Amino acid sequence: MFGRNEVLLPGMESCRSIRWQRELAKTNEQIEMNPNITRCAWARTEPNLSYHDTEWGVPLHDDRALFEFLILEGAQAGLSWETILKKRVNYRIAFDNFSVARIARYDQRKVKGLLANPGIVRNRLKIAAAIQNAKAFLALQKEFGSFDAYVWRFVEGRPKQNSWKTLKQIPAATPESQALSKDLLQRGFKFVGPTICYAFMQAVGMVNDHAVDCFRHAEVVRPLR
């Protein structure tokens, strides 16, 4: 799923259904009509605002999109999510729209080019991790049929509905994210510690961590597949 202000690159396949597009349009209309609507405390300015209103916490089941979030969450380590969101389009261009098969074949020449790209986080370890994770991702797809089938097992196939009142109540990691992290690490993934895994789980809707008074808390509960 993509935020309302994002650019869809040529040839990109949207993972939104017609139903989701209608829901998104309805949500955006409601936002524009009521600028004082209550949101989670971290969503105050762009690009966080649009991302919060249209993507964060929505259950995601598309493998390409899941891989994108896995790589972006790893790239965030030590940085702010806002920084990553601002570089997101650059990442899609630099990393072949997060094509797992293509990234798994990246060679040293490609790595050299990525390290020289100012539009992404130029960290050698994170770039190497993206390539290694693509290889491990392909192995998981082969074993489970899809990464979606694999990863959603950690919440028994359904989003965990939380009822946080304040940002301070939200944990940095949970038993579920620790279990996911442990398993991913054993399978050769990198930059997938418990905190990164929990941020990933929040992003792709495996948990609903919108504050209870946020207008999105109830909306993301509705199935939009």
C-alpha atoms as a PDB file:
ATOM      1  CA  MET A   1       0.000   0.000   0.000  1.00  0.00           C
ATOM      2  CA  PHE A   2       1.177   3.469  -0.777  1.00  0.00           C
ATOM      3  CA  GLY A   3       0.587   6.827   0.828  1.00  0.00           C
ATOM      4  CA  ARG A   4      -1.604   9.324  -0.991  1.00  0.00           C
ATOM      5  CA  ASN A   5       1.312  11.638  -1.776  1.00  0.00           C
ATOM      6  CA  GLU A   6       3.713   8.967  -3.003  1.00  0.00           C
ATOM      7  CA  VAL A   7       4.917   8.476  -6.551  1.00  0.00           C
ATOM      8  CA  LEU A   8       4.174   5.126  -8.200  1.00  0.00           C
ATOM      9  CA  LEU A   9       7.103   4.314 -10.439  1.00  0.00           C
ATOM     10  CA  PRO A  10       6.571   3.035 -13.994  1.00  0.00           C
ATOM     11  CA  GLY A  11       5.706  -0.647 -13.964  1.00  0.00           C
ATOM     12  CA  MET A  12       4.940  -0.698 -10.231  1.00  0.00           C
ATOM     13  CA  GLU A  13       2.061  -2.911  -9.188  1.00  0.00           C
ATOM     14  CA  SER A  14      -0.190  -1.448  -6.520  1.00  0.00           C
ATOM     15  CA  CYS A  15      -1.091  -3.922  -3.795  1.00  0.00           C
ATOM     16  CA  ARG A  16      -4.337  -2.120  -3.116  1.00  0.00           C
ATOM     17  CA  SER A  17      -7.628  -3.584  -4.196  1.00  0.00           C
ATOM     18  CA  ILE A  18     -10.442  -1.468  -5.663  1.00  0.00           C
ATOM     19  CA  ARG A  19     -12.141  -1.685  -2.292  1.00  0.00           C
ATOM     20  CA  TRP A  20      -9.060  -0.362  -0.532  1.00  0.00           C
ATOM     21  CA  GLN A  21      -8.798   2.546  -2.992  1.00  0.00           C
ATOM     22  CA  ARG A  22     -12.379   3.515  -2.227  1.00  0.00           C
ATOM     23  CA  GLU A  23     -11.755   3.276   1.505  1.00  0.00           C
ATOM     24  CA  LEU A  24      -8.606   5.373   1.107  1.00  0.00           C
ATOM     25  CA  ALA A  25     -10.450   8.053  -0.883  1.00  0.00           C
ATOM     26  CA  LYS A  26     -13.185   8.130   1.755  1.00  0.00           C
ATOM     27  CA  THR A  27     -10.609   8.465   4.542  1.00  0.00           C
ATOM     28  CA  ASN A  28      -8.791  11.286   2.757  1.00  0.00           C
ATOM     29  CA  GLU A  29     -12.069  13.128   2.217  1.00  0.00           C
ATOM     30  CA  GLN A  30     -12.884  12.838   5.892  1.00  0.00           C
ATOM     31  CA  ILE A  31      -9.420  14.120   6.821  1.00  0.00           C
ATOM     32  CA  GLU A  32      -9.746  17.148   4.578  1.00  0.00           C
ATOM     33  CA  MET A  33     -13.183  17.937   5.997  1.00  0.00           C
ATOM     34  CA  ASN A  34     -11.944  17.686   9.579  1.00  0.00           C
ATOM     35  CA  PRO A  35      -8.337  18.913   9.967  1.00  0.00           C
ATOM     36  CA  ASN A  36      -8.648  18.742  13.767  1.00  0.00           C
ATOM     37  CA  ILE A  37      -9.197  14.997  13.757  1.00  0.00           C
ATOM     38  CA  THR A  38      -7.381  13.108  16.548  1.00  0.00           C
ATOM     39  CA  ARG A  39      -4.275  11.172  15.539  1.00  0.00           C
ATOM     40  CA  CYS A  40      -1.439   9.317  17.227  1.00  0.00           C
ATOM     41  CA  ALA A  41       0.973  11.755  18.866  1.00  0.00           C
ATOM     42  CA  TRP A  42       3.838  11.026  16.439  1.00  0.00           C
ATOM     43  CA  ALA A  43       1.819  11.973  13.347  1.00  0.00           C
ATOM     44  CA  ARG A  44       2.103  15.751  13.213  1.00  0.00           C
ATOM     45  CA  THR A  45       3.831  16.726   9.982  1.00  0.00           C
ATOM     46  CA  GLU A  46       4.512  15.264   6.547  1.00  0.00           C
ATOM     47  CA  PRO A  47       5.538  12.675   5.546  1.00  0.00           C
ATOM     48  CA  ASN A  48       4.523  11.078   8.856  1.00  0.00           C
ATOM     49  CA  LEU A  49       1.014  12.468   8.561  1.00  0.00           C
ATOM     50  CA  SER A  50       0.048  10.834   5.262  1.00  0.00           C
ATOM     51  CA  TYR A  51       1.839   7.620   6.174  1.00  0.00           C
ATOM     52  CA  HIS A  52      -0.047   7.416   9.461  1.00  0.00           C
ATOM     53  CA  ASP A  53      -3.396   8.186   7.857  1.00  0.00           C
ATOM     54  CA  THR A  54      -3.168   5.726   4.967  1.00  0.00           C
ATOM     55  CA  GLU A  55      -0.663   2.957   5.693  1.00  0.00           C
ATOM     56  CA  TRP A  56       0.552   2.445   9.245  1.00  0.00           C
ATOM     57  CA  GLY A  57      -1.165  -0.478  10.915  1.00  0.00           C
ATOM     58  CA  VAL A  58      -3.170  -1.626   7.899  1.00  0.00           C
ATOM     59  CA  PRO A  59      -2.873  -5.445   7.569  1.00  0.00           C
ATOM     60  CA  LEU A  60      -0.529  -6.140   4.668  1.00  0.00           C
ATOM     61  CA  HIS A  61      -0.247  -9.451   2.824  1.00  0.00           C
ATOM     62  CA  ASP A  62       1.698  -8.648  -0.342  1.00  0.00           C
ATOM     63  CA  ASP A  63       5.182 -10.183  -0.293  1.00  0.00           C
ATOM     64  CA  ARG A  64       6.866  -7.372  -2.226  1.00  0.00           C
ATOM     65  CA  ALA A  65       5.449  -4.769   0.134  1.00  0.00           C
ATOM     66  CA  LEU A  66       6.331  -6.863   3.188  1.00  0.00           C
ATOM     67  CA  PHE A  67       9.907  -7.119   1.950  1.00  0.00           C
ATOM     68  CA  GLU A  68      10.024  -3.363   1.400  1.00  0.00           C
ATOM     69  CA  PHE A  69       9.036  -2.687   4.999  1.00  0.00           C
ATOM     70  CA  LEU A  70      11.482  -5.283   6.310  1.00  0.00           C
ATOM     71  CA  ILE A  71      14.345  -3.547   4.506  1.00  0.00           C
ATOM     72  CA  LEU A  72      13.225  -0.019   5.362  1.00  0.00           C
ATOM     73  CA  GLU A  73      12.800  -0.842   9.049  1.00  0.00           C
ATOM     74  CA  GLY A  74      16.324  -2.240   9.078  1.00  0.00           C
ATOM     75  CA  ALA A  75      17.615   0.869   7.328  1.00  0.00           C
ATOM     76  CA  GLN A  76      16.001   2.991  10.038  1.00  0.00           C
ATOM     77  CA  ALA A  77      18.236   1.586  12.804  1.00  0.00           C
ATOM     78  CA  GLY A  78      19.817   4.580  14.525  1.00  0.00           C
ATOM     79  CA  LEU A  79      17.736   7.037  12.485  1.00  0.00           C
ATOM     80  CA  SER A  80      14.213   8.442  12.514  1.00  0.00           C
ATOM     81  CA  TRP A  81      11.374   6.888  10.532  1.00  0.00           C
ATOM     82  CA  GLU A  82      10.713  10.316   9.029  1.00  0.00           C
ATOM     83  CA  THR A  83      14.197  10.219   7.493  1.00  0.00           C
ATOM     84  CA  ILE A  84      13.434   6.869   5.873  1.00  0.00           C
ATOM     85  CA  LEU A  85      10.041   7.996   4.585  1.00  0.00           C
ATOM     86  CA  LYS A  86      11.665  10.968   2.887  1.00  0.00           C
ATOM     87  CA  LYS A  87      14.067   8.580   1.144  1.00  0.00           C
ATOM     88  CA  ARG A  88      11.442   5.959   0.304  1.00  0.00           C
ATOM     89  CA  VAL A  89      11.016   6.790  -3.376  1.00  0.00           C
ATOM     90  CA  ASN A  90      14.805   6.889  -3.743  1.00  0.00           C
ATOM     91  CA  TYR A  91      14.993   3.447  -2.155  1.00  0.00           C
ATOM     92  CA  ARG A  92      12.442   2.070  -4.599  1.00  0.00           C
ATOM     93  CA  ILE A  93      14.463   3.373  -7.512  1.00  0.00           C
ATOM     94  CA  ALA A  94      17.832   2.261  -6.125  1.00  0.00           C
ATOM     95  CA  PHE A  95      16.602  -1.192  -5.083  1.00  0.00           C
ATOM     96  CA  ASP A  96      14.605  -2.101  -8.214  1.00  0.00           C
ATOM     97  CA  ASN A  97      11.247  -1.492  -6.534  1.00  0.00           C
ATOM     98  CA  PHE A  98      12.284  -4.040  -3.899  1.00  0.00           C
ATOM     99  CA  SER A  99      12.321  -6.957  -6.298  1.00  0.00           C
ATOM    100  CA  VAL A 100      13.531  -9.751  -4.041  1.00  0.00           C
ATOM    101  CA  ALA A 101      14.924 -11.828  -6.898  1.00  0.00           C
ATOM    102  CA  ARG A 102      16.909  -8.928  -8.339  1.00  0.00           C
ATOM    103  CA  ILE A 103      18.309  -7.777  -5.005  1.00  0.00           C
ATOM    104  CA  ALA A 104      19.434 -11.319  -4.179  1.00  0.00           C
ATOM    105  CA  ARG A 105      21.649 -11.144  -7.287  1.00  0.00           C
ATOM    106  CA  TYR A 106      23.324  -7.810  -6.513  1.00  0.00           C
ATOM    107  CA  ASP A 107      27.089  -7.921  -7.046  1.00  0.00           C
ATOM    108  CA  GLN A 108      29.953  -5.713  -5.860  1.00  0.00           C
ATOM    109  CA  ARG A 109      29.471  -3.303  -8.748  1.00  0.00           C
ATOM    110  CA  LYS A 110      25.878  -2.725  -7.672  1.00  0.00           C
ATOM    111  CA  VAL A 111      26.922  -2.354  -4.042  1.00  0.00           C
ATOM    112  CA  LYS A 112      29.483   0.257  -5.060  1.00  0.00           C
ATOM    113  CA  GLY A 113      26.761   2.188  -6.835  1.00  0.00           C
ATOM    114  CA  LEU A 114      24.457   2.033  -3.813  1.00  0.00           C
ATOM    115  CA  LEU A 115      27.217   3.294  -1.523  1.00  0.00           C
ATOM    116  CA  ALA A 116      27.590   6.307  -3.808  1.00  0.00           C
ATOM    117  CA  ASN A 117      23.845   7.026  -3.896  1.00  0.00           C
ATOM    118  CA  PRO A 118      22.989  10.076  -1.709  1.00  0.00           C
ATOM    119  CA  GLY A 119      19.281   9.281  -1.900  1.00  0.00           C
ATOM    120  CA  ILE A 120      19.543   6.282   0.450  1.00  0.00           C
ATOM    121  CA  VAL A 121      21.264   5.498   3.741  1.00  0.00           C
ATOM    122  CA  ARG A 122      24.810   4.772   2.589  1.00  0.00           C
ATOM    123  CA  ASN A 123      25.714   2.230   5.218  1.00  0.00           C
ATOM    124  CA  ARG A 124      27.698  -0.756   3.967  1.00  0.00           C
ATOM    125  CA  LEU A 125      26.332  -3.132   6.615  1.00  0.00           C
ATOM    126  CA  LYS A 126      22.733  -2.178   5.923  1.00  0.00           C
ATOM    127  CA  ILE A 127      23.176  -2.575   2.173  1.00  0.00           C
ATOM    128  CA  ALA A 128      24.821  -5.960   2.672  1.00  0.00           C
ATOM    129  CA  ALA A 129      21.954  -6.925   4.981  1.00  0.00           C
ATOM    130  CA  ALA A 130      19.385  -6.038   2.302  1.00  0.00           C
ATOM    131  CA  ILE A 131      21.082  -8.416  -0.137  1.00  0.00           C
ATOM    132  CA  GLN A 132      21.418 -11.200   2.416  1.00  0.00           C
ATOM    133  CA  ASN A 133      17.827 -10.707   3.522  1.00  0.00           C
ATOM    134  CA  ALA A 134      16.637 -11.025  -0.072  1.00  0.00           C
ATOM    135  CA  LYS A 135      18.351 -14.410  -0.308  1.00  0.00           C
ATOM    136  CA  ALA A 136      16.865 -15.539   3.004  1.00  0.00           C
ATOM    137  CA  PHE A 137      13.466 -14.174   1.946  1.00  0.00           C
ATOM    138  CA  LEU A 138      13.506 -16.317  -1.195  1.00  0.00           C
ATOM    139  CA  ALA A 139      14.289 -19.371   0.908  1.00  0.00           C
ATOM    140  CA  LEU A 140      11.309 -18.641   3.167  1.00  0.00           C
ATOM    141  CA  GLN A 141       9.029 -18.217   0.164  1.00  0.00           C
ATOM    142  CA  LYS A 142      10.150 -21.591  -1.116  1.00  0.00           C
ATOM    143  CA  GLU A 143       9.539 -23.235   2.259  1.00  0.00           C
ATOM    144  CA  PHE A 144       6.189 -21.634   3.153  1.00  0.00           C
ATOM    145  CA  GLY A 145       4.813 -20.636  -0.229  1.00  0.00           C
ATOM    146  CA  SER A 146       5.007 -16.950   0.663  1.00  0.00           C
ATOM    147  CA  PHE A 147       6.594 -14.704   3.254  1.00  0.00           C
ATOM    148  CA  ASP A 148       3.074 -13.632   4.161  1.00  0.00           C
ATOM    149  CA  ALA A 149       2.184 -17.191   5.164  1.00  0.00           C
ATOM    150  CA  TYR A 150       5.338 -17.391   7.255  1.00  0.00           C
ATOM    151  CA  VAL A 151       5.286 -14.083   9.108  1.00  0.00           C
ATOM    152  CA  TRP A 152       1.609 -13.898  10.049  1.00  0.00           C
ATOM    153  CA  ARG A 153       1.959 -17.166  11.994  1.00  0.00           C
ATOM    154  CA  PHE A 154       3.589 -15.139  14.763  1.00  0.00           C
ATOM    155  CA  VAL A 155       0.257 -13.482  15.536  1.00  0.00           C
ATOM    156  CA  GLU A 156      -1.829 -16.569  14.683  1.00  0.00           C
ATOM    157  CA  GLY A 157      -2.931 -15.073  11.392  1.00  0.00           C
ATOM    158  CA  ARG A 158      -4.852 -12.140  12.877  1.00  0.00           C
ATOM    159  CA  PRO A 159      -3.796  -8.612  13.892  1.00  0.00           C
ATOM    160  CA  LYS A 160      -3.312  -8.162  17.611  1.00  0.00           C
ATOM    161  CA  GLN A 161      -5.631  -5.374  18.761  1.00  0.00           C
ATOM    162  CA  ASN A 162      -4.072  -3.169  21.433  1.00  0.00           C
ATOM    163  CA  SER A 163      -5.717  -0.371  23.410  1.00  0.00           C
ATOM    164  CA  TRP A 164      -2.971   2.090  24.209  1.00  0.00           C
ATOM    165  CA  LYS A 165      -3.963   5.509  25.520  1.00  0.00           C
ATOM    166  CA  THR A 166      -0.557   7.173  25.239  1.00  0.00           C
ATOM    167  CA  LEU A 167       2.588   6.782  23.170  1.00  0.00           C
ATOM    168  CA  LYS A 168       4.560   5.974  26.316  1.00  0.00           C
ATOM    169  CA  GLN A 169       2.522   2.807  26.860  1.00  0.00           C
ATOM    170  CA  ILE A 170       3.597   1.223  23.579  1.00  0.00           C
ATOM    171  CA  PRO A 171       6.441  -1.281  24.116  1.00  0.00           C
ATOM    172  CA  ALA A 172       9.635  -1.310  22.083  1.00  0.00           C
ATOM    173  CA  ALA A 173       9.382  -5.083  21.716  1.00  0.00           C
ATOM    174  CA  THR A 174       7.025  -7.910  22.647  1.00  0.00           C
ATOM    175  CA  PRO A 175       7.263 -11.686  23.063  1.00  0.00           C
ATOM    176  CA  GLU A 176       5.937 -12.005  19.503  1.00  0.00           C
ATOM    177  CA  SER A 177       8.580  -9.689  18.049  1.00  0.00           C
ATOM    178  CA  GLN A 178      11.266 -11.467  20.047  1.00  0.00           C
ATOM    179  CA  ALA A 179      10.125 -14.812  18.652  1.00  0.00           C
ATOM    180  CA  LEU A 180      10.067 -13.425  15.108  1.00  0.00           C
ATOM    181  CA  SER A 181      13.502 -11.880  15.538  1.00  0.00           C
ATOM    182  CA  LYS A 182      14.988 -15.104  16.885  1.00  0.00           C
ATOM    183  CA  ASP A 183      13.594 -17.148  14.028  1.00  0.00           C
ATOM    184  CA  LEU A 184      14.648 -14.675  11.327  1.00  0.00           C
ATOM    185  CA  LEU A 185      18.174 -14.496  12.724  1.00  0.00           C
ATOM    186  CA  GLN A 186      18.405 -18.284  12.722  1.00  0.00           C
ATOM    187  CA  ARG A 187      17.391 -18.222   9.062  1.00  0.00           C
ATOM    188  CA  GLY A 188      20.182 -15.828   8.154  1.00  0.00           C
ATOM    189  CA  PHE A 189      18.421 -12.458   8.212  1.00  0.00           C
ATOM    190  CA  LYS A 190      20.296  -9.349   9.368  1.00  0.00           C
ATOM    191  CA  PHE A 191      19.134  -6.139  11.098  1.00  0.00           C
ATOM    192  CA  VAL A 192      16.074  -7.914  12.486  1.00  0.00           C
ATOM    193  CA  GLY A 193      16.384  -7.433  16.234  1.00  0.00           C
ATOM    194  CA  PRO A 194      13.242  -7.524  18.437  1.00  0.00           C
ATOM    195  CA  THR A 195      12.743  -3.739  18.281  1.00  0.00           C
ATOM    196  CA  ILE A 196      13.094  -3.625  14.494  1.00  0.00           C
ATOM    197  CA  CYS A 197      10.749  -6.591  14.195  1.00  0.00           C
ATOM    198  CA  TYR A 198       8.147  -4.883  16.361  1.00  0.00           C
ATOM    199  CA  ALA A 199       8.329  -1.725  14.256  1.00  0.00           C
ATOM    200  CA  PHE A 200       7.832  -3.949  11.205  1.00  0.00           C
ATOM    201  CA  MET A 201       4.843  -5.648  12.833  1.00  0.00           C
ATOM    202  CA  GLN A 202       3.300  -2.265  13.616  1.00  0.00           C
ATOM    203  CA  ALA A 203       3.850  -1.030  10.077  1.00  0.00           C
ATOM    204  CA  VAL A 204       2.281  -4.037   8.321  1.00  0.00           C
ATOM    205  CA  GLY A 205      -0.691  -4.313  10.649  1.00  0.00           C
ATOM    206  CA  MET A 206       0.268  -7.436  12.566  1.00  0.00           C
ATOM    207  CA  VAL A 207      -0.499  -5.310  15.619  1.00  0.00           C
ATOM    208  CA  ASN A 208      -2.793  -2.308  15.875  1.00  0.00           C
ATOM    209  CA  ASP A 209      -0.879   0.222  17.928  1.00  0.00           C
ATOM    210  CA  HIS A 210      -2.894   3.283  17.037  1.00  0.00           C
ATOM    211  CA  ALA A 211      -3.956   5.075  20.216  1.00  0.00           C
ATOM    212  CA  VAL A 212      -7.554   4.308  21.165  1.00  0.00           C
ATOM    213  CA  ASP A 213      -8.596   7.916  20.554  1.00  0.00           C
ATOM    214  CA  CYS A 214      -6.899   8.021  17.138  1.00  0.00           C
ATOM    215  CA  PHE A 215      -9.386   7.986  14.254  1.00  0.00           C
ATOM    216  CA  ARG A 216      -7.391   5.184  12.609  1.00  0.00           C
ATOM    217  CA  HIS A 217      -7.626   2.759  15.531  1.00  0.00           C
ATOM    218  CA  ALA A 218     -11.091   1.559  14.570  1.00  0.00           C
ATOM    219  CA  GLU A 219     -10.551   1.925  10.817  1.00  0.00           C
ATOM    220  CA  VAL A 220      -7.614  -0.459  10.515  1.00  0.00           C
ATOM    221  CA  VAL A 221      -9.619  -3.184  12.254  1.00  0.00           C
ATOM    222  CA  ARG A 222     -11.854  -3.435   9.198  1.00  0.00           C
ATOM    223  CA  PRO A 223     -10.581  -6.071   6.732  1.00  0.00           C
ATOM    224  CA  LEU A 224      -9.441  -4.368   3.531  1.00  0.00           C
ATOM    225  CA  ARG A 225      -7.913  -7.315   1.677  1.00  0.00           C
END
